Amino acid sequence: MMDVTVIKSGDGNPVRRGAYVLDISERKAAEAALREQTDALQRFNRAMVGREIDMIALKQQINDLSRQLSQGSAYPLAFLDADARR
């Protein structure tokens, strides 16, 4: 990263130039690694959420079948009703 500044006199004429240089190679590499890790975690999270949704759907089906057999719900899924009321 480089920045060059023109230093002017009181009447606005350029007098000097000041330059600032900073090596940000390590920072860029760390940012790239962090992006890769974030992407991997997001993919993992999507997979886990999808599986959890599938499991809830299966439990709902089991509960429906159990009720049809007059056995009551096998899985407590009251939290779904609470979410629907919000």
PDB file of N, CA and C in Angstrom:
ATOM      1  N   MET A   1       0.863  -1.152   0.000  1.00  0.00           N
ATOM      2  CA  MET A   1       0.000   0.000   0.000  1.00  0.00           C
ATOM      3  C   MET A   1       0.912   1.218   0.000  1.00  0.00           C
ATOM      4  N   MET A   2       0.571   2.177  -0.869  1.00  0.00           N
ATOM      5  CA  MET A   2       1.418   3.361  -0.999  1.00  0.00           C
ATOM      6  C   MET A   2       0.549   4.607  -1.056  1.00  0.00           C
ATOM      7  N   ASP A   3       1.012   5.658  -0.409  1.00  0.00           N
ATOM      8  CA  ASP A   3       0.308   6.936  -0.431  1.00  0.00           C
ATOM      9  C   ASP A   3       1.335   8.031  -0.665  1.00  0.00           C
ATOM     10  N   VAL A   4       1.042   8.918  -1.591  1.00  0.00           N
ATOM     11  CA  VAL A   4       1.918  10.056  -1.877  1.00  0.00           C
ATOM     12  C   VAL A   4       1.123  11.330  -1.641  1.00  0.00           C
ATOM     13  N   THR A   5       1.716  12.241  -0.881  1.00  0.00           N
ATOM     14  CA  THR A   5       1.068  13.506  -0.565  1.00  0.00           C
ATOM     15  C   THR A   5       1.953  14.656  -1.037  1.00  0.00           C
ATOM     16  N   VAL A   6       1.337  15.659  -1.638  1.00  0.00           N
ATOM     17  CA  VAL A   6       2.059  16.855  -2.058  1.00  0.00           C
ATOM     18  C   VAL A   6       1.911  17.886  -0.948  1.00  0.00           C
ATOM     19  N   ILE A   7       3.046  18.385  -0.485  1.00  0.00           N
ATOM     20  CA  ILE A   7       3.055  19.408   0.553  1.00  0.00           C
ATOM     21  C   ILE A   7       3.207  20.746  -0.146  1.00  0.00           C
ATOM     22  N   LYS A   8       2.274  21.659   0.145  1.00  0.00           N
ATOM     23  CA  LYS A   8       2.259  22.956  -0.541  1.00  0.00           C
ATOM     24  C   LYS A   8       2.660  24.072   0.407  1.00  0.00           C
ATOM     25  N   SER A   9       3.186  25.132  -0.194  1.00  0.00           N
ATOM     26  CA  SER A   9       3.550  26.318   0.582  1.00  0.00           C
ATOM     27  C   SER A   9       2.283  27.106   0.891  1.00  0.00           C
ATOM     28  N   GLY A  10       2.421  28.173   1.620  1.00  0.00           N
ATOM     29  CA  GLY A  10       1.290  29.007   1.995  1.00  0.00           C
ATOM     30  C   GLY A  10       0.552  29.566   0.794  1.00  0.00           C
ATOM     31  N   ASP A  11       1.276  29.797  -0.303  1.00  0.00           N
ATOM     32  CA  ASP A  11       0.608  30.352  -1.483  1.00  0.00           C
ATOM     33  C   ASP A  11       0.083  29.270  -2.428  1.00  0.00           C
ATOM     34  N   GLY A  12       0.156  27.979  -2.003  1.00  0.00           N
ATOM     35  CA  GLY A  12      -0.421  26.895  -2.775  1.00  0.00           C
ATOM     36  C   GLY A  12       0.501  26.213  -3.759  1.00  0.00           C
ATOM     37  N   ASN A  13       1.767  26.618  -3.818  1.00  0.00           N
ATOM     38  CA  ASN A  13       2.718  25.977  -4.730  1.00  0.00           C
ATOM     39  C   ASN A  13       3.292  24.709  -4.101  1.00  0.00           C
ATOM     40  N   PRO A  14       3.455  23.657  -4.904  1.00  0.00           N
ATOM     41  CA  PRO A  14       4.040  22.429  -4.362  1.00  0.00           C
ATOM     42  C   PRO A  14       5.475  22.650  -3.908  1.00  0.00           C
ATOM     43  N   VAL A  15       5.793  22.159  -2.716  1.00  0.00           N
ATOM     44  CA  VAL A  15       7.126  22.315  -2.156  1.00  0.00           C
ATOM     45  C   VAL A  15       7.825  20.958  -2.055  1.00  0.00           C
ATOM     46  N   ARG A  16       7.118  19.971  -1.579  1.00  0.00           N
ATOM     47  CA  ARG A  16       7.682  18.634  -1.380  1.00  0.00           C
ATOM     48  C   ARG A  16       6.616  17.581  -1.640  1.00  0.00           C
ATOM     49  N   ARG A  17       7.131  16.367  -1.721  1.00  0.00           N
ATOM     50  CA  ARG A  17       6.254  15.208  -1.771  1.00  0.00           C
ATOM     51  C   ARG A  17       6.642  14.299  -0.616  1.00  0.00           C
ATOM     52  N   GLY A  18       5.623  13.780   0.033  1.00  0.00           N
ATOM     53  CA  GLY A  18       5.853  12.803   1.098  1.00  0.00           C
ATOM     54  C   GLY A  18       5.239  11.477   0.657  1.00  0.00           C
ATOM     55  N   ALA A  19       5.984  10.405   0.871  1.00  0.00           N
ATOM     56  CA  ALA A  19       5.491   9.077   0.473  1.00  0.00           C
ATOM     57  C   ALA A  19       5.479   8.153   1.684  1.00  0.00           C
ATOM     58  N   TYR A  20       4.485   7.289   1.680  1.00  0.00           N
ATOM     59  CA  TYR A  20       4.316   6.330   2.754  1.00  0.00           C
ATOM     60  C   TYR A  20       4.083   4.976   2.096  1.00  0.00           C
ATOM     61  N   VAL A  21       4.886   3.977   2.470  1.00  0.00           N
ATOM     62  CA  VAL A  21       4.757   2.643   1.896  1.00  0.00           C
ATOM     63  C   VAL A  21       4.625   1.633   3.039  1.00  0.00           C
ATOM     64  N   LEU A  22       3.644   0.715   2.872  1.00  0.00           N
ATOM     65  CA  LEU A  22       3.410  -0.304   3.884  1.00  0.00           C
ATOM     66  C   LEU A  22       3.193  -1.634   3.178  1.00  0.00           C
ATOM     67  N   ASP A  23       3.942  -2.650   3.590  1.00  0.00           N
ATOM     68  CA  ASP A  23       3.780  -3.986   3.016  1.00  0.00           C
ATOM     69  C   ASP A  23       2.602  -4.665   3.711  1.00  0.00           C
ATOM     70  N   ILE A  24       1.538  -4.916   2.940  1.00  0.00           N
ATOM     71  CA  ILE A  24       0.332  -5.535   3.500  1.00  0.00           C
ATOM     72  C   ILE A  24       0.141  -6.955   2.960  1.00  0.00           C
ATOM     73  N   SER A  25       1.197  -7.574   2.494  1.00  0.00           N
ATOM     74  CA  SER A  25       1.109  -8.929   1.939  1.00  0.00           C
ATOM     75  C   SER A  25       0.564  -9.921   2.951  1.00  0.00           C
ATOM     76  N   GLU A  26       1.076  -9.869   4.175  1.00  0.00           N
ATOM     77  CA  GLU A  26       0.617 -10.803   5.212  1.00  0.00           C
ATOM     78  C   GLU A  26      -0.849 -10.572   5.543  1.00  0.00           C
ATOM     79  N   ARG A  27      -1.252  -9.308   5.605  1.00  0.00           N
ATOM     80  CA  ARG A  27      -2.649  -8.995   5.900  1.00  0.00           C
ATOM     81  C   ARG A  27      -3.563  -9.528   4.798  1.00  0.00           C
ATOM     82  N   LYS A  28      -3.177  -9.361   3.541  1.00  0.00           N
ATOM     83  CA  LYS A  28      -3.974  -9.853   2.420  1.00  0.00           C
ATOM     84  C   LYS A  28      -4.080 -11.381   2.459  1.00  0.00           C
ATOM     85  N   ALA A  29      -2.984 -12.054   2.792  1.00  0.00           N
ATOM     86  CA  ALA A  29      -3.008 -13.519   2.894  1.00  0.00           C
ATOM     87  C   ALA A  29      -3.926 -13.957   4.032  1.00  0.00           C
ATOM     88  N   ALA A  30      -3.867 -13.259   5.162  1.00  0.00           N
ATOM     89  CA  ALA A  30      -4.736 -13.590   6.291  1.00  0.00           C
ATOM     90  C   ALA A  30      -6.198 -13.348   5.943  1.00  0.00           C
ATOM     91  N   GLU A  31      -6.485 -12.273   5.213  1.00  0.00           N
ATOM     92  CA  GLU A  31      -7.860 -11.989   4.791  1.00  0.00           C
ATOM     93  C   GLU A  31      -8.378 -13.091   3.864  1.00  0.00           C
ATOM     94  N   ALA A  32      -7.539 -13.550   2.944  1.00  0.00           N
ATOM     95  CA  ALA A  32      -7.937 -14.619   2.019  1.00  0.00           C
ATOM     96  C   ALA A  32      -8.212 -15.916   2.788  1.00  0.00           C
ATOM     97  N   ALA A  33      -7.359 -16.239   3.743  1.00  0.00           N
ATOM     98  CA  ALA A  33      -7.558 -17.451   4.552  1.00  0.00           C
ATOM     99  C   ALA A  33      -8.844 -17.342   5.366  1.00  0.00           C
ATOM    100  N   LEU A  34      -9.105 -16.181   5.918  1.00  0.00           N
ATOM    101  CA  LEU A  34     -10.327 -15.967   6.698  1.00  0.00           C
ATOM    102  C   LEU A  34     -11.562 -16.093   5.804  1.00  0.00           C
ATOM    103  N   ARG A  35     -11.501 -15.564   4.593  1.00  0.00           N
ATOM    104  CA  ARG A  35     -12.623 -15.700   3.649  1.00  0.00           C
ATOM    105  C   ARG A  35     -12.893 -17.165   3.333  1.00  0.00           C
ATOM    106  N   GLU A  36     -11.828 -17.939   3.105  1.00  0.00           N
ATOM    107  CA  GLU A  36     -11.983 -19.368   2.819  1.00  0.00           C
ATOM    108  C   GLU A  36     -12.625 -20.099   3.994  1.00  0.00           C
ATOM    109  N   GLN A  37     -12.170 -19.796   5.210  1.00  0.00           N
ATOM    110  CA  GLN A  37     -12.732 -20.436   6.401  1.00  0.00           C
ATOM    111  C   GLN A  37     -14.197 -20.039   6.592  1.00  0.00           C
ATOM    112  N   THR A  38     -14.500 -18.782   6.349  1.00  0.00           N
ATOM    113  CA  THR A  38     -15.877 -18.308   6.476  1.00  0.00           C
ATOM    114  C   THR A  38     -16.780 -19.012   5.468  1.00  0.00           C
ATOM    115  N   ASP A  39     -16.314 -19.138   4.239  1.00  0.00           N
ATOM    116  CA  ASP A  39     -17.090 -19.842   3.205  1.00  0.00           C
ATOM    117  C   ASP A  39     -17.337 -21.292   3.606  1.00  0.00           C
ATOM    118  N   ALA A  40     -16.308 -21.956   4.122  1.00  0.00           N
ATOM    119  CA  ALA A  40     -16.448 -23.353   4.544  1.00  0.00           C
ATOM    120  C   ALA A  40     -17.452 -23.471   5.689  1.00  0.00           C
ATOM    121  N   LEU A  41     -17.391 -22.559   6.651  1.00  0.00           N
ATOM    122  CA  LEU A  41     -18.334 -22.585   7.775  1.00  0.00           C
ATOM    123  C   LEU A  41     -19.759 -22.310   7.313  1.00  0.00           C
ATOM    124  N   GLN A  42     -19.931 -21.416   6.350  1.00  0.00           N
ATOM    125  CA  GLN A  42     -21.267 -21.142   5.834  1.00  0.00           C
ATOM    126  C   GLN A  42     -21.839 -22.357   5.105  1.00  0.00           C
ATOM    127  N   ARG A  43     -21.007 -23.045   4.336  1.00  0.00           N
ATOM    128  CA  ARG A  43     -21.466 -24.275   3.660  1.00  0.00           C
ATOM    129  C   ARG A  43     -21.864 -25.324   4.691  1.00  0.00           C
ATOM    130  N   PHE A  44     -21.054 -25.493   5.719  1.00  0.00           N
ATOM    131  CA  PHE A  44     -21.352 -26.450   6.793  1.00  0.00           C
ATOM    132  C   PHE A  44     -22.659 -26.076   7.488  1.00  0.00           C
ATOM    133  N   ASN A  45     -22.839 -24.804   7.790  1.00  0.00           N
ATOM    134  CA  ASN A  45     -24.046 -24.345   8.473  1.00  0.00           C
ATOM    135  C   ASN A  45     -25.288 -24.608   7.612  1.00  0.00           C
ATOM    136  N   ARG A  46     -25.214 -24.321   6.317  1.00  0.00           N
ATOM    137  CA  ARG A  46     -26.358 -24.589   5.440  1.00  0.00           C
ATOM    138  C   ARG A  46     -26.701 -26.074   5.430  1.00  0.00           C
ATOM    139  N   ALA A  47     -25.681 -26.920   5.398  1.00  0.00           N
ATOM    140  CA  ALA A  47     -25.922 -28.368   5.400  1.00  0.00           C
ATOM    141  C   ALA A  47     -26.578 -28.805   6.707  1.00  0.00           C
ATOM    142  N   MET A  48     -26.095 -28.299   7.831  1.00  0.00           N
ATOM    143  CA  MET A  48     -26.644 -28.695   9.131  1.00  0.00           C
ATOM    144  C   MET A  48     -28.072 -28.189   9.294  1.00  0.00           C
ATOM    145  N   VAL A  49     -28.331 -26.965   8.893  1.00  0.00           N
ATOM    146  CA  VAL A  49     -29.684 -26.419   9.013  1.00  0.00           C
ATOM    147  C   VAL A  49     -30.636 -27.226   8.136  1.00  0.00           C
ATOM    148  N   GLY A  50     -30.207 -27.557   6.937  1.00  0.00           N
ATOM    149  CA  GLY A  50     -31.035 -28.368   6.043  1.00  0.00           C
ATOM    150  C   GLY A  50     -31.352 -29.719   6.646  1.00  0.00           C
ATOM    151  N   ARG A  51     -30.364 -30.341   7.254  1.00  0.00           N
ATOM    152  CA  ARG A  51     -30.586 -31.645   7.893  1.00  0.00           C
ATOM    153  C   ARG A  51     -31.530 -31.525   9.082  1.00  0.00           C
ATOM    154  N   GLU A  52     -31.379 -30.461   9.844  1.00  0.00           N
ATOM    155  CA  GLU A  52     -32.259 -30.257  11.005  1.00  0.00           C
ATOM    156  C   GLU A  52     -33.700 -30.058  10.548  1.00  0.00           C
ATOM    157  N   ILE A  53     -33.893 -29.305   9.498  1.00  0.00           N
ATOM    158  CA  ILE A  53     -35.242 -29.097   8.960  1.00  0.00           C
ATOM    159  C   ILE A  53     -35.828 -30.425   8.493  1.00  0.00           C
ATOM    160  N   ASP A  54     -35.007 -31.234   7.832  1.00  0.00           N
ATOM    161  CA  ASP A  54     -35.468 -32.559   7.398  1.00  0.00           C
ATOM    162  C   ASP A  54     -35.856 -33.429   8.594  1.00  0.00           C
ATOM    163  N   MET A  55     -35.064 -33.385   9.669  1.00  0.00           N
ATOM    164  CA  MET A  55     -35.359 -34.183  10.870  1.00  0.00           C
ATOM    165  C   MET A  55     -36.672 -33.732  11.514  1.00  0.00           C
ATOM    166  N   ILE A  56     -36.904 -32.431  11.574  1.00  0.00           N
ATOM    167  CA  ILE A  56     -38.153 -31.928  12.148  1.00  0.00           C
ATOM    168  C   ILE A  56     -39.340 -32.398  11.314  1.00  0.00           C
ATOM    169  N   ALA A  57     -39.189 -32.347   9.989  1.00  0.00           N
ATOM    170  CA  ALA A  57     -40.276 -32.806   9.115  1.00  0.00           C
ATOM    171  C   ALA A  57     -40.564 -34.294   9.340  1.00  0.00           C
ATOM    172  N   LEU A  58     -39.520 -35.094   9.489  1.00  0.00           N
ATOM    173  CA  LEU A  58     -39.717 -36.522   9.755  1.00  0.00           C
ATOM    174  C   LEU A  58     -40.401 -36.746  11.097  1.00  0.00           C
ATOM    175  N   LYS A  59     -40.015 -35.989  12.113  1.00  0.00           N
ATOM    176  CA  LYS A  59     -40.637 -36.113  13.428  1.00  0.00           C
ATOM    177  C   LYS A  59     -42.106 -35.702  13.369  1.00  0.00           C
ATOM    178  N   GLN A  60     -42.408 -34.684  12.568  1.00  0.00           N
ATOM    179  CA  GLN A  60     -43.808 -34.288  12.409  1.00  0.00           C
ATOM    180  C   GLN A  60     -44.615 -35.411  11.762  1.00  0.00           C
ATOM    181  N   GLN A  61     -44.045 -36.064  10.769  1.00  0.00           N
ATOM    182  CA  GLN A  61     -44.730 -37.185  10.114  1.00  0.00           C
ATOM    183  C   GLN A  61     -44.958 -38.331  11.090  1.00  0.00           C
ATOM    184  N   ILE A  62     -43.943 -38.630  11.900  1.00  0.00           N
ATOM    185  CA  ILE A  62     -44.081 -39.696  12.905  1.00  0.00           C
ATOM    186  C   ILE A  62     -45.174 -39.332  13.903  1.00  0.00           C
ATOM    187  N   ASN A  63     -45.176 -38.062  14.345  1.00  0.00           N
ATOM    188  CA  ASN A  63     -46.219 -37.629  15.282  1.00  0.00           C
ATOM    189  C   ASN A  63     -47.604 -37.758  14.648  1.00  0.00           C
ATOM    190  N   ASP A  64     -47.741 -37.368  13.389  1.00  0.00           N
ATOM    191  CA  ASP A  64     -49.036 -37.484  12.701  1.00  0.00           C
ATOM    192  C   ASP A  64     -49.483 -38.946  12.627  1.00  0.00           C
ATOM    193  N   LEU A  65     -48.568 -39.817  12.259  1.00  0.00           N
ATOM    194  CA  LEU A  65     -48.903 -41.246  12.183  1.00  0.00           C
ATOM    195  C   LEU A  65     -49.253 -41.807  13.563  1.00  0.00           C
ATOM    196  N   SER A  66     -48.518 -41.401  14.583  1.00  0.00           N
ATOM    197  CA  SER A  66     -48.798 -41.865  15.952  1.00  0.00           C
ATOM    198  C   SER A  66     -50.181 -41.413  16.401  1.00  0.00           C
ATOM    199  N   ARG A  67     -50.537 -40.153  16.089  1.00  0.00           N
ATOM    200  CA  ARG A  67     -51.869 -39.660  16.458  1.00  0.00           C
ATOM    201  C   ARG A  67     -52.964 -40.432  15.718  1.00  0.00           C
ATOM    202  N   GLN A  68     -52.698 -40.774  14.461  1.00  0.00           N
ATOM    203  CA  GLN A  68     -53.682 -41.554  13.701  1.00  0.00           C
ATOM    204  C   GLN A  68     -53.898 -42.933  14.334  1.00  0.00           C
ATOM    205  N   LEU A  69     -52.858 -43.424  14.984  1.00  0.00           N
ATOM    206  CA  LEU A  69     -52.962 -44.719  15.671  1.00  0.00           C
ATOM    207  C   LEU A  69     -53.380 -44.551  17.134  1.00  0.00           C
ATOM    208  N   SER A  70     -53.781 -43.327  17.484  1.00  0.00           N
ATOM    209  CA  SER A  70     -54.216 -42.988  18.857  1.00  0.00           C
ATOM    210  C   SER A  70     -53.133 -43.259  19.890  1.00  0.00           C
ATOM    211  N   GLN A  71     -51.903 -43.020  19.539  1.00  0.00           N
ATOM    212  CA  GLN A  71     -50.790 -43.242  20.468  1.00  0.00           C
ATOM    213  C   GLN A  71     -50.199 -41.940  20.992  1.00  0.00           C
ATOM    214  N   GLY A  72     -50.653 -40.797  20.540  1.00  0.00           N
ATOM    215  CA  GLY A  72     -50.089 -39.529  20.981  1.00  0.00           C
ATOM    216  C   GLY A  72     -48.791 -39.230  20.244  1.00  0.00           C
ATOM    217  N   SER A  73     -48.303 -38.049  20.472  1.00  0.00           N
ATOM    218  CA  SER A  73     -47.077 -37.615  19.787  1.00  0.00           C
ATOM    219  C   SER A  73     -45.845 -38.280  20.381  1.00  0.00           C
ATOM    220  N   ALA A  74     -45.001 -38.777  19.511  1.00  0.00           N
ATOM    221  CA  ALA A  74     -43.758 -39.418  19.964  1.00  0.00           C
ATOM    222  C   ALA A  74     -42.667 -38.384  20.249  1.00  0.00           C
ATOM    223  N   TYR A  75     -42.736 -37.248  19.557  1.00  0.00           N
ATOM    224  CA  TYR A  75     -41.699 -36.223  19.701  1.00  0.00           C
ATOM    225  C   TYR A  75     -42.323 -34.905  20.135  1.00  0.00           C
ATOM    226  N   PRO A  76     -41.766 -34.276  21.160  1.00  0.00           N
ATOM    227  CA  PRO A  76     -42.283 -32.960  21.568  1.00  0.00           C
ATOM    228  C   PRO A  76     -41.798 -31.884  20.587  1.00  0.00           C
ATOM    229  N   LEU A  77     -42.731 -31.295  19.882  1.00  0.00           N
ATOM    230  CA  LEU A  77     -42.379 -30.252  18.904  1.00  0.00           C
ATOM    231  C   LEU A  77     -43.142 -28.959  19.195  1.00  0.00           C
ATOM    232  N   ALA A  78     -43.400 -28.712  20.478  1.00  0.00           N
ATOM    233  CA  ALA A  78     -44.147 -27.514  20.873  1.00  0.00           C
ATOM    234  C   ALA A  78     -43.413 -26.233  20.452  1.00  0.00           C
ATOM    235  N   PHE A  79     -42.110 -26.295  20.347  1.00  0.00           N
ATOM    236  CA  PHE A  79     -41.352 -25.105  19.959  1.00  0.00           C
ATOM    237  C   PHE A  79     -41.769 -24.618  18.568  1.00  0.00           C
ATOM    238  N   LEU A  80     -42.268 -25.502  17.708  1.00  0.00           N
ATOM    239  CA  LEU A  80     -42.741 -25.093  16.394  1.00  0.00           C
ATOM    240  C   LEU A  80     -43.990 -24.241  16.522  1.00  0.00           C
ATOM    241  N   ASP A  81     -44.883 -24.599  17.444  1.00  0.00           N
ATOM    242  CA  ASP A  81     -46.088 -23.814  17.662  1.00  0.00           C
ATOM    243  C   ASP A  81     -45.731 -22.444  18.218  1.00  0.00           C
ATOM    244  N   ALA A  82     -44.744 -22.380  19.106  1.00  0.00           N
ATOM    245  CA  ALA A  82     -44.316 -21.105  19.685  1.00  0.00           C
ATOM    246  C   ALA A  82     -43.742 -20.198  18.602  1.00  0.00           C
ATOM    247  N   ASP A  83     -42.990 -20.754  17.660  1.00  0.00           N
ATOM    248  CA  ASP A  83     -42.435 -19.957  16.571  1.00  0.00           C
ATOM    249  C   ASP A  83     -43.529 -19.433  15.655  1.00  0.00           C
ATOM    250  N   ALA A  84     -44.583 -20.214  15.448  1.00  0.00           N
ATOM    251  CA  ALA A  84     -45.663 -19.803  14.574  1.00  0.00           C
ATOM    252  C   ALA A  84     -46.457 -18.637  15.174  1.00  0.00           C
ATOM    253  N   ARG A  85     -46.505 -18.537  16.501  1.00  0.00           N
ATOM    254  CA  ARG A  85     -47.252 -17.465  17.162  1.00  0.00           C
ATOM    255  C   ARG A  85     -46.512 -16.131  17.121  1.00  0.00           C
ATOM    256  N   ARG A  86     -45.254 -16.131  16.801  1.00  0.00           N
ATOM    257  CA  ARG A  86     -44.475 -14.882  16.815  1.00  0.00           C
ATOM    258  C   ARG A  86     -44.741 -14.045  15.605  1.00  0.00           C
TER     259      ARG A  86
END
